[in-house]
Structure formats: C-alpha cells, structure tokens
Amino acid sequence: MICAFNNISQTWFMQLDEEIDCDCLICGDDRDAKAMVTPLIEKIPGLRVIDCGALERASIIEKITPLLIGLNIRNKCQFGGIRITGLDKGRVC
C-alpha cells in the first residue's frame, strides 16, 4: 500500500491541456509498489514524485491538504500545491 496524490488539487486533473505545477508526495512500506507507481505518476506532465519514506508518514502528508484548501480559498484559486526545492534532481526518489 502506498499514499499518493493527497497534496494535489483535483482541479489540476481537469485541466488536461496544462502541466501540473506540483510535486506528488508519496510514501509507503512496499518498495516494489513505489517503484511501480513512480513512472506512472511521472507520465502526468509536470509532476515529479517525491518519496517521503514509510507509510506512517501518510498522516503528515494528509495534514497538508486542509492547509492547501485554505490557501486556495483565501487566494481565490484552485491550483495551489507543493513544490519541494533543494533536492538533487538525480536522487529525488
């Protein structure tokens, strides 16, 4: 089992003509499962997968969702998301 897509607004998936300007935070205890879904997620234009570790971190990722919803409401937008900076591009996952 893995956790993925919790921090990405569903509005992005309705805009098929634009790249998604977010990182997809994933976590899980099954390395094979993460290895299988990572290339599938990265087929979505603009998405970069960030492996956040064990499945127990899913609760942390899920807590970001209300923050993003609140920021989107406050700023009257639907596309607010997360980009993790400062990571070596060759070693993200």
PDB file of N, CA and C in Angstrom:
ATOM      1  N   MET A   1       0.839  -1.176   0.000  1.00  0.00           N
ATOM      2  CA  MET A   1       0.000   0.000   0.000  1.00  0.00           C
ATOM      3  C   MET A   1       0.884   1.239   0.000  1.00  0.00           C
ATOM      4  N   ILE A   2       0.468   2.217  -0.772  1.00  0.00           N
ATOM      5  CA  ILE A   2       1.169   3.498  -0.775  1.00  0.00           C
ATOM      6  C   ILE A   2       0.169   4.635  -0.674  1.00  0.00           C
ATOM      7  N   CYS A   3       0.683   5.790  -0.339  1.00  0.00           N
ATOM      8  CA  CYS A   3      -0.104   7.023  -0.279  1.00  0.00           C
ATOM      9  C   CYS A   3       0.421   7.923  -1.395  1.00  0.00           C
ATOM     10  N   ALA A   4      -0.470   8.472  -2.207  1.00  0.00           N
ATOM     11  CA  ALA A   4      -0.060   9.380  -3.284  1.00  0.00           C
ATOM     12  C   ALA A   4      -1.217  10.307  -3.646  1.00  0.00           C
ATOM     13  N   PHE A   5      -0.915  11.436  -4.235  1.00  0.00           N
ATOM     14  CA  PHE A   5      -1.879  12.413  -4.770  1.00  0.00           C
ATOM     15  C   PHE A   5      -2.639  13.205  -3.705  1.00  0.00           C
ATOM     16  N   ASN A   6      -2.346  13.016  -2.424  1.00  0.00           N
ATOM     17  CA  ASN A   6      -3.095  13.717  -1.381  1.00  0.00           C
ATOM     18  C   ASN A   6      -2.912  15.226  -1.422  1.00  0.00           C
ATOM     19  N   ASN A   7      -1.797  15.688  -1.949  1.00  0.00           N
ATOM     20  CA  ASN A   7      -1.492  17.113  -1.914  1.00  0.00           C
ATOM     21  C   ASN A   7      -1.731  17.818  -3.247  1.00  0.00           C
ATOM     22  N   ILE A   8      -2.432  17.154  -4.169  1.00  0.00           N
ATOM     23  CA  ILE A   8      -2.656  17.746  -5.488  1.00  0.00           C
ATOM     24  C   ILE A   8      -4.149  18.002  -5.681  1.00  0.00           C
ATOM     25  N   SER A   9      -4.473  19.239  -5.994  1.00  0.00           N
ATOM     26  CA  SER A   9      -5.869  19.620  -6.198  1.00  0.00           C
ATOM     27  C   SER A   9      -6.474  18.859  -7.373  1.00  0.00           C
ATOM     28  N   GLN A  10      -7.675  18.373  -7.178  1.00  0.00           N
ATOM     29  CA  GLN A  10      -8.357  17.653  -8.258  1.00  0.00           C
ATOM     30  C   GLN A  10      -8.584  18.546  -9.468  1.00  0.00           C
ATOM     31  N   THR A  11      -8.571  19.851  -9.279  1.00  0.00           N
ATOM     32  CA  THR A  11      -8.748  20.780 -10.386  1.00  0.00           C
ATOM     33  C   THR A  11      -7.649  20.609 -11.429  1.00  0.00           C
ATOM     34  N   TRP A  12      -6.421  20.278 -10.973  1.00  0.00           N
ATOM     35  CA  TRP A  12      -5.339  20.052 -11.928  1.00  0.00           C
ATOM     36  C   TRP A  12      -5.684  18.947 -12.911  1.00  0.00           C
ATOM     37  N   PHE A  13      -6.345  17.909 -12.422  1.00  0.00           N
ATOM     38  CA  PHE A  13      -6.644  16.754 -13.271  1.00  0.00           C
ATOM     39  C   PHE A  13      -7.777  17.029 -14.252  1.00  0.00           C
ATOM     40  N   MET A  14      -8.432  18.164 -14.093  1.00  0.00           N
ATOM     41  CA  MET A  14      -9.488  18.549 -15.013  1.00  0.00           C
ATOM     42  C   MET A  14      -8.952  19.490 -16.106  1.00  0.00           C
ATOM     43  N   GLN A  15      -7.696  19.921 -15.971  1.00  0.00           N
ATOM     44  CA  GLN A  15      -7.054  20.812 -16.926  1.00  0.00           C
ATOM     45  C   GLN A  15      -6.066  19.998 -17.751  1.00  0.00           C
ATOM     46  N   LEU A  16      -6.545  19.186 -18.634  1.00  0.00           N
ATOM     47  CA  LEU A  16      -5.689  18.258 -19.356  1.00  0.00           C
ATOM     48  C   LEU A  16      -4.738  18.931 -20.334  1.00  0.00           C
ATOM     49  N   ASP A  17      -4.972  20.202 -20.640  1.00  0.00           N
ATOM     50  CA  ASP A  17      -4.118  20.896 -21.591  1.00  0.00           C
ATOM     51  C   ASP A  17      -2.956  21.629 -20.926  1.00  0.00           C
ATOM     52  N   GLU A  18      -2.840  21.559 -19.584  1.00  0.00           N
ATOM     53  CA  GLU A  18      -1.763  22.234 -18.868  1.00  0.00           C
ATOM     54  C   GLU A  18      -0.970  21.240 -18.026  1.00  0.00           C
ATOM     55  N   GLU A  19       0.333  21.514 -17.877  1.00  0.00           N
ATOM     56  CA  GLU A  19       1.143  20.703 -16.982  1.00  0.00           C
ATOM     57  C   GLU A  19       0.745  21.001 -15.537  1.00  0.00           C
ATOM     58  N   ILE A  20       0.807  19.984 -14.696  1.00  0.00           N
ATOM     59  CA  ILE A  20       0.521  20.154 -13.277  1.00  0.00           C
ATOM     60  C   ILE A  20       1.769  20.724 -12.621  1.00  0.00           C
ATOM     61  N   ASP A  21       1.632  21.852 -11.961  1.00  0.00           N
ATOM     62  CA  ASP A  21       2.760  22.539 -11.348  1.00  0.00           C
ATOM     63  C   ASP A  21       2.865  22.160  -9.866  1.00  0.00           C
ATOM     64  N   CYS A  22       3.062  20.869  -9.593  1.00  0.00           N
ATOM     65  CA  CYS A  22       3.169  20.368  -8.224  1.00  0.00           C
ATOM     66  C   CYS A  22       4.094  19.160  -8.189  1.00  0.00           C
ATOM     67  N   ASP A  23       4.543  18.859  -6.992  1.00  0.00           N
ATOM     68  CA  ASP A  23       5.210  17.589  -6.751  1.00  0.00           C
ATOM     69  C   ASP A  23       4.187  16.643  -6.148  1.00  0.00           C
ATOM     70  N   CYS A  24       4.311  15.368  -6.450  1.00  0.00           N
ATOM     71  CA  CYS A  24       3.439  14.345  -5.894  1.00  0.00           C
ATOM     72  C   CYS A  24       4.195  13.646  -4.765  1.00  0.00           C
ATOM     73  N   LEU A  25       3.767  13.899  -3.543  1.00  0.00           N
ATOM     74  CA  LEU A  25       4.405  13.289  -2.384  1.00  0.00           C
ATOM     75  C   LEU A  25       3.851  11.882  -2.208  1.00  0.00           C
ATOM     76  N   ILE A  26       4.740  10.886  -2.173  1.00  0.00           N
ATOM     77  CA  ILE A  26       4.290   9.507  -1.961  1.00  0.00           C
ATOM     78  C   ILE A  26       5.027   8.920  -0.772  1.00  0.00           C
ATOM     79  N   CYS A  27       4.404   7.942  -0.144  1.00  0.00           N
ATOM     80  CA  CYS A  27       5.061   7.189   0.918  1.00  0.00           C
ATOM     81  C   CYS A  27       4.466   5.792   0.948  1.00  0.00           C
ATOM     82  N   GLY A  28       5.207   4.880   1.512  1.00  0.00           N
ATOM     83  CA  GLY A  28       4.737   3.501   1.603  1.00  0.00           C
ATOM     84  C   GLY A  28       5.851   2.596   2.087  1.00  0.00           C
ATOM     85  N   ASP A  29       5.470   1.432   2.573  1.00  0.00           N
ATOM     86  CA  ASP A  29       6.441   0.474   3.091  1.00  0.00           C
ATOM     87  C   ASP A  29       6.898  -0.519   2.032  1.00  0.00           C
ATOM     88  N   ASP A  30       6.202  -0.574   0.915  1.00  0.00           N
ATOM     89  CA  ASP A  30       6.500  -1.542  -0.137  1.00  0.00           C
ATOM     90  C   ASP A  30       7.306  -0.870  -1.252  1.00  0.00           C
ATOM     91  N   ARG A  31       8.614  -1.127  -1.279  1.00  0.00           N
ATOM     92  CA  ARG A  31       9.483  -0.503  -2.280  1.00  0.00           C
ATOM     93  C   ARG A  31       9.064  -0.854  -3.701  1.00  0.00           C
ATOM     94  N   ASP A  32       8.630  -2.092  -3.904  1.00  0.00           N
ATOM     95  CA  ASP A  32       8.217  -2.508  -5.242  1.00  0.00           C
ATOM     96  C   ASP A  32       6.994  -1.733  -5.711  1.00  0.00           C
ATOM     97  N   ALA A  33       6.050  -1.509  -4.797  1.00  0.00           N
ATOM     98  CA  ALA A  33       4.846  -0.748  -5.150  1.00  0.00           C
ATOM     99  C   ALA A  33       5.210   0.690  -5.524  1.00  0.00           C
ATOM    100  N   LYS A  34       6.109   1.304  -4.743  1.00  0.00           N
ATOM    101  CA  LYS A  34       6.532   2.672  -5.056  1.00  0.00           C
ATOM    102  C   LYS A  34       7.283   2.712  -6.389  1.00  0.00           C
ATOM    103  N   ALA A  35       8.094   1.700  -6.630  1.00  0.00           N
ATOM    104  CA  ALA A  35       8.836   1.640  -7.896  1.00  0.00           C
ATOM    105  C   ALA A  35       7.901   1.453  -9.080  1.00  0.00           C
ATOM    106  N   MET A  36       6.780   0.791  -8.856  1.00  0.00           N
ATOM    107  CA  MET A  36       5.818   0.563  -9.933  1.00  0.00           C
ATOM    108  C   MET A  36       5.017   1.830 -10.235  1.00  0.00           C
ATOM    109  N   VAL A  37       4.586   2.556  -9.207  1.00  0.00           N
ATOM    110  CA  VAL A  37       3.728   3.716  -9.452  1.00  0.00           C
ATOM    111  C   VAL A  37       4.498   4.966  -9.846  1.00  0.00           C
ATOM    112  N   THR A  38       5.757   5.062  -9.442  1.00  0.00           N
ATOM    113  CA  THR A  38       6.534   6.276  -9.738  1.00  0.00           C
ATOM    114  C   THR A  38       6.571   6.600 -11.220  1.00  0.00           C
ATOM    115  N   PRO A  39       6.937   5.658 -12.109  1.00  0.00           N
ATOM    116  CA  PRO A  39       6.949   6.027 -13.535  1.00  0.00           C
ATOM    117  C   PRO A  39       5.558   6.325 -14.083  1.00  0.00           C
ATOM    118  N   LEU A  40       4.531   5.722 -13.517  1.00  0.00           N
ATOM    119  CA  LEU A  40       3.165   6.019 -13.967  1.00  0.00           C
ATOM    120  C   LEU A  40       2.778   7.443 -13.590  1.00  0.00           C
ATOM    121  N   ILE A  41       3.092   7.838 -12.357  1.00  0.00           N
ATOM    122  CA  ILE A  41       2.778   9.201 -11.917  1.00  0.00           C
ATOM    123  C   ILE A  41       3.555  10.207 -12.750  1.00  0.00           C
ATOM    124  N   GLU A  42       4.817   9.899 -13.030  1.00  0.00           N
ATOM    125  CA  GLU A  42       5.653  10.843 -13.772  1.00  0.00           C
ATOM    126  C   GLU A  42       5.265  10.957 -15.247  1.00  0.00           C
ATOM    127  N   LYS A  43       4.373  10.110 -15.716  1.00  0.00           N
ATOM    128  CA  LYS A  43       3.831  10.269 -17.070  1.00  0.00           C
ATOM    129  C   LYS A  43       2.859  11.446 -17.138  1.00  0.00           C
ATOM    130  N   ILE A  44       2.377  11.890 -15.995  1.00  0.00           N
ATOM    131  CA  ILE A  44       1.483  13.047 -15.949  1.00  0.00           C
ATOM    132  C   ILE A  44       2.365  14.290 -16.106  1.00  0.00           C
ATOM    133  N   PRO A  45       2.161  15.062 -17.153  1.00  0.00           N
ATOM    134  CA  PRO A  45       3.039  16.204 -17.421  1.00  0.00           C
ATOM    135  C   PRO A  45       3.135  17.176 -16.244  1.00  0.00           C
ATOM    136  N   GLY A  46       4.378  17.473 -15.882  1.00  0.00           N
ATOM    137  CA  GLY A  46       4.654  18.432 -14.817  1.00  0.00           C
ATOM    138  C   GLY A  46       4.875  17.820 -13.451  1.00  0.00           C
ATOM    139  N   LEU A  47       4.373  16.618 -13.217  1.00  0.00           N
ATOM    140  CA  LEU A  47       4.503  16.008 -11.892  1.00  0.00           C
ATOM    141  C   LEU A  47       5.887  15.427 -11.689  1.00  0.00           C
ATOM    142  N   ARG A  48       6.399  15.612 -10.494  1.00  0.00           N
ATOM    143  CA  ARG A  48       7.632  14.978 -10.054  1.00  0.00           C
ATOM    144  C   ARG A  48       7.300  14.244  -8.766  1.00  0.00           C
ATOM    145  N   VAL A  49       7.741  13.012  -8.661  1.00  0.00           N
ATOM    146  CA  VAL A  49       7.469  12.205  -7.477  1.00  0.00           C
ATOM    147  C   VAL A  49       8.533  12.471  -6.420  1.00  0.00           C
ATOM    148  N   ILE A  50       8.087  12.717  -5.194  1.00  0.00           N
ATOM    149  CA  ILE A  50       8.978  12.856  -4.053  1.00  0.00           C
ATOM    150  C   ILE A  50       8.641  11.727  -3.083  1.00  0.00           C
ATOM    151  N   ASP A  51       9.586  10.815  -2.892  1.00  0.00           N
ATOM    152  CA  ASP A  51       9.405   9.690  -1.970  1.00  0.00           C
ATOM    153  C   ASP A  51       9.661  10.192  -0.561  1.00  0.00           C
ATOM    154  N   CYS A  52       8.626  10.180   0.251  1.00  0.00           N
ATOM    155  CA  CYS A  52       8.706  10.703   1.616  1.00  0.00           C
ATOM    156  C   CYS A  52       8.966   9.622   2.657  1.00  0.00           C
ATOM    157  N   GLY A  53       9.173   8.388   2.216  1.00  0.00           N
ATOM    158  CA  GLY A  53       9.532   7.333   3.167  1.00  0.00           C
ATOM    159  C   GLY A  53       8.408   6.374   3.480  1.00  0.00           C
ATOM    160  N   ALA A  54       8.366   5.949   4.730  1.00  0.00           N
ATOM    161  CA  ALA A  54       7.441   4.909   5.193  1.00  0.00           C
ATOM    162  C   ALA A  54       5.986   5.367   5.182  1.00  0.00           C
ATOM    163  N   LEU A  55       5.090   4.394   5.138  1.00  0.00           N
ATOM    164  CA  LEU A  55       3.649   4.678   5.094  1.00  0.00           C
ATOM    165  C   LEU A  55       3.175   5.474   6.307  1.00  0.00           C
ATOM    166  N   GLU A  56       3.847   5.330   7.422  1.00  0.00           N
ATOM    167  CA  GLU A  56       3.435   6.073   8.623  1.00  0.00           C
ATOM    168  C   GLU A  56       3.484   7.583   8.406  1.00  0.00           C
ATOM    169  N   ARG A  57       4.189   8.029   7.398  1.00  0.00           N
ATOM    170  CA  ARG A  57       4.256   9.465   7.089  1.00  0.00           C
ATOM    171  C   ARG A  57       3.043   9.953   6.308  1.00  0.00           C
ATOM    172  N   ALA A  58       2.172   9.046   5.916  1.00  0.00           N
ATOM    173  CA  ALA A  58       0.961   9.436   5.183  1.00  0.00           C
ATOM    174  C   ALA A  58       0.135  10.440   5.978  1.00  0.00           C
ATOM    175  N   SER A  59       0.084  10.268   7.285  1.00  0.00           N
ATOM    176  CA  SER A  59      -0.719  11.191   8.100  1.00  0.00           C
ATOM    177  C   SER A  59      -0.162  12.609   8.028  1.00  0.00           C
ATOM    178  N   ILE A  60       1.146  12.747   7.892  1.00  0.00           N
ATOM    179  CA  ILE A  60       1.742  14.083   7.756  1.00  0.00           C
ATOM    180  C   ILE A  60       1.359  14.683   6.405  1.00  0.00           C
ATOM    181  N   ILE A  61       1.469  13.885   5.350  1.00  0.00           N
ATOM    182  CA  ILE A  61       1.110  14.359   4.007  1.00  0.00           C
ATOM    183  C   ILE A  61      -0.368  14.753   3.961  1.00  0.00           C
ATOM    184  N   GLU A  62      -1.217  13.937   4.573  1.00  0.00           N
ATOM    185  CA  GLU A  62      -2.655  14.213   4.558  1.00  0.00           C
ATOM    186  C   GLU A  62      -2.991  15.498   5.308  1.00  0.00           C
ATOM    187  N   LYS A  63      -2.184  15.867   6.286  1.00  0.00           N
ATOM    188  CA  LYS A  63      -2.439  17.098   7.044  1.00  0.00           C
ATOM    189  C   LYS A  63      -2.139  18.349   6.231  1.00  0.00           C
ATOM    190  N   ILE A  64      -1.400  18.206   5.145  1.00  0.00           N
ATOM    191  CA  ILE A  64      -1.122  19.343   4.268  1.00  0.00           C
ATOM    192  C   ILE A  64      -2.375  19.734   3.477  1.00  0.00           C
ATOM    193  N   THR A  65      -3.250  18.778   3.214  1.00  0.00           N
ATOM    194  CA  THR A  65      -4.428  19.010   2.373  1.00  0.00           C
ATOM    195  C   THR A  65      -5.298  20.156   2.883  1.00  0.00           C
ATOM    196  N   PRO A  66      -5.697  20.177   4.179  1.00  0.00           N
ATOM    197  CA  PRO A  66      -6.521  21.308   4.632  1.00  0.00           C
ATOM    198  C   PRO A  66      -5.815  22.662   4.498  1.00  0.00           C
ATOM    199  N   LEU A  67      -4.498  22.663   4.686  1.00  0.00           N
ATOM    200  CA  LEU A  67      -3.734  23.896   4.509  1.00  0.00           C
ATOM    201  C   LEU A  67      -3.852  24.384   3.067  1.00  0.00           C
ATOM    202  N   LEU A  68      -3.651  23.476   2.104  1.00  0.00           N
ATOM    203  CA  LEU A  68      -3.740  23.853   0.688  1.00  0.00           C
ATOM    204  C   LEU A  68      -5.145  24.312   0.323  1.00  0.00           C
ATOM    205  N   ILE A  69      -6.150  23.621   0.834  1.00  0.00           N
ATOM    206  CA  ILE A  69      -7.536  24.032   0.556  1.00  0.00           C
ATOM    207  C   ILE A  69      -7.776  25.436   1.092  1.00  0.00           C
ATOM    208  N   GLY A  70      -7.327  25.684   2.315  1.00  0.00           N
ATOM    209  CA  GLY A  70      -7.493  27.010   2.911  1.00  0.00           C
ATOM    210  C   GLY A  70      -6.774  28.094   2.131  1.00  0.00           C
ATOM    211  N   LEU A  71      -5.552  27.802   1.692  1.00  0.00           N
ATOM    212  CA  LEU A  71      -4.812  28.778   0.890  1.00  0.00           C
ATOM    213  C   LEU A  71      -5.495  29.046  -0.439  1.00  0.00           C
ATOM    214  N   ASN A  72      -6.021  28.001  -1.060  1.00  0.00           N
ATOM    215  CA  ASN A  72      -6.739  28.179  -2.322  1.00  0.00           C
ATOM    216  C   ASN A  72      -7.981  29.029  -2.130  1.00  0.00           C
ATOM    217  N   ILE A  73      -8.725  28.787  -1.063  1.00  0.00           N
ATOM    218  CA  ILE A  73      -9.926  29.589  -0.789  1.00  0.00           C
ATOM    219  C   ILE A  73      -9.539  31.044  -0.524  1.00  0.00           C
ATOM    220  N   ARG A  74      -8.552  31.232   0.325  1.00  0.00           N
ATOM    221  CA  ARG A  74      -8.122  32.582   0.688  1.00  0.00           C
ATOM    222  C   ARG A  74      -7.638  33.376  -0.523  1.00  0.00           C
ATOM    223  N   ASN A  75      -6.977  32.705  -1.441  1.00  0.00           N
ATOM    224  CA  ASN A  75      -6.420  33.372  -2.619  1.00  0.00           C
ATOM    225  C   ASN A  75      -7.290  33.234  -3.858  1.00  0.00           C
ATOM    226  N   LYS A  76      -8.497  32.691  -3.669  1.00  0.00           N
ATOM    227  CA  LYS A  76      -9.465  32.548  -4.754  1.00  0.00           C
ATOM    228  C   LYS A  76      -8.867  31.847  -5.970  1.00  0.00           C
ATOM    229  N   CYS A  77      -8.202  30.730  -5.710  1.00  0.00           N
ATOM    230  CA  CYS A  77      -7.658  29.927  -6.791  1.00  0.00           C
ATOM    231  C   CYS A  77      -7.933  28.449  -6.480  1.00  0.00           C
ATOM    232  N   GLN A  78      -7.605  27.595  -7.403  1.00  0.00           N
ATOM    233  CA  GLN A  78      -7.850  26.163  -7.215  1.00  0.00           C
ATOM    234  C   GLN A  78      -6.613  25.334  -7.511  1.00  0.00           C
ATOM    235  N   PHE A  79      -5.474  25.992  -7.696  1.00  0.00           N
ATOM    236  CA  PHE A  79      -4.300  25.284  -8.159  1.00  0.00           C
ATOM    237  C   PHE A  79      -3.128  25.302  -7.186  1.00  0.00           C
ATOM    238  N   GLY A  80      -3.308  25.811  -5.988  1.00  0.00           N
ATOM    239  CA  GLY A  80      -2.217  25.850  -5.020  1.00  0.00           C
ATOM    240  C   GLY A  80      -1.720  24.441  -4.728  1.00  0.00           C
ATOM    241  N   GLY A  81      -0.410  24.277  -4.682  1.00  0.00           N
ATOM    242  CA  GLY A  81       0.162  22.959  -4.444  1.00  0.00           C
ATOM    243  C   GLY A  81       1.523  23.065  -3.796  1.00  0.00           C
ATOM    244  N   ILE A  82       2.239  21.979  -3.812  1.00  0.00           N
ATOM    245  CA  ILE A  82       3.536  21.875  -3.153  1.00  0.00           C
ATOM    246  C   ILE A  82       4.630  21.610  -4.186  1.00  0.00           C
ATOM    247  N   ARG A  83       5.725  22.329  -4.069  1.00  0.00           N
ATOM    248  CA  ARG A  83       6.955  22.037  -4.802  1.00  0.00           C
ATOM    249  C   ARG A  83       8.048  21.955  -3.747  1.00  0.00           C
ATOM    250  N   ILE A  84       8.763  20.849  -3.726  1.00  0.00           N
ATOM    251  CA  ILE A  84       9.877  20.676  -2.804  1.00  0.00           C
ATOM    252  C   ILE A  84      11.139  21.132  -3.523  1.00  0.00           C
ATOM    253  N   THR A  85      11.854  22.043  -2.929  1.00  0.00           N
ATOM    254  CA  THR A  85      13.056  22.594  -3.559  1.00  0.00           C
ATOM    255  C   THR A  85      14.312  22.108  -2.839  1.00  0.00           C
ATOM    256  N   GLY A  86      15.428  22.265  -3.512  1.00  0.00           N
ATOM    257  CA  GLY A  86      16.707  21.972  -2.910  1.00  0.00           C
ATOM    258  C   GLY A  86      17.136  20.519  -2.945  1.00  0.00           C
ATOM    259  N   LEU A  87      16.340  19.668  -3.582  1.00  0.00           N
ATOM    260  CA  LEU A  87      16.713  18.253  -3.682  1.00  0.00           C
ATOM    261  C   LEU A  87      17.508  18.031  -4.958  1.00  0.00           C
ATOM    262  N   ASP A  88      18.474  17.144  -4.886  1.00  0.00           N
ATOM    263  CA  ASP A  88      19.253  16.763  -6.051  1.00  0.00           C
ATOM    264  C   ASP A  88      18.325  16.061  -7.041  1.00  0.00           C
ATOM    265  N   LYS A  89      18.158  16.610  -8.222  1.00  0.00           N
ATOM    266  CA  LYS A  89      17.213  16.060  -9.196  1.00  0.00           C
ATOM    267  C   LYS A  89      17.477  14.603  -9.521  1.00  0.00           C
ATOM    268  N   GLY A  90      18.702  14.161  -9.467  1.00  0.00           N
ATOM    269  CA  GLY A  90      19.018  12.776  -9.770  1.00  0.00           C
ATOM    270  C   GLY A  90      18.707  11.817  -8.636  1.00  0.00           C
ATOM    271  N   ARG A  91      18.357  12.355  -7.453  1.00  0.00           N
ATOM    272  CA  ARG A  91      18.145  11.485  -6.304  1.00  0.00           C
ATOM    273  C   ARG A  91      16.830  11.758  -5.605  1.00  0.00           C
ATOM    274  N   VAL A  92      15.815  12.205  -6.323  1.00  0.00           N
ATOM    275  CA  VAL A  92      14.547  12.557  -5.707  1.00  0.00           C
ATOM    276  C   VAL A  92      13.837  11.334  -5.153  1.00  0.00           C
ATOM    277  N   CYS A  93      13.760  10.263  -5.916  1.00  0.00           N
ATOM    278  CA  CYS A  93      13.028   9.084  -5.446  1.00  0.00           C
ATOM    279  C   CYS A  93      13.948   8.074  -4.805  1.00  0.00           C
TER     280      CYS A  93
END
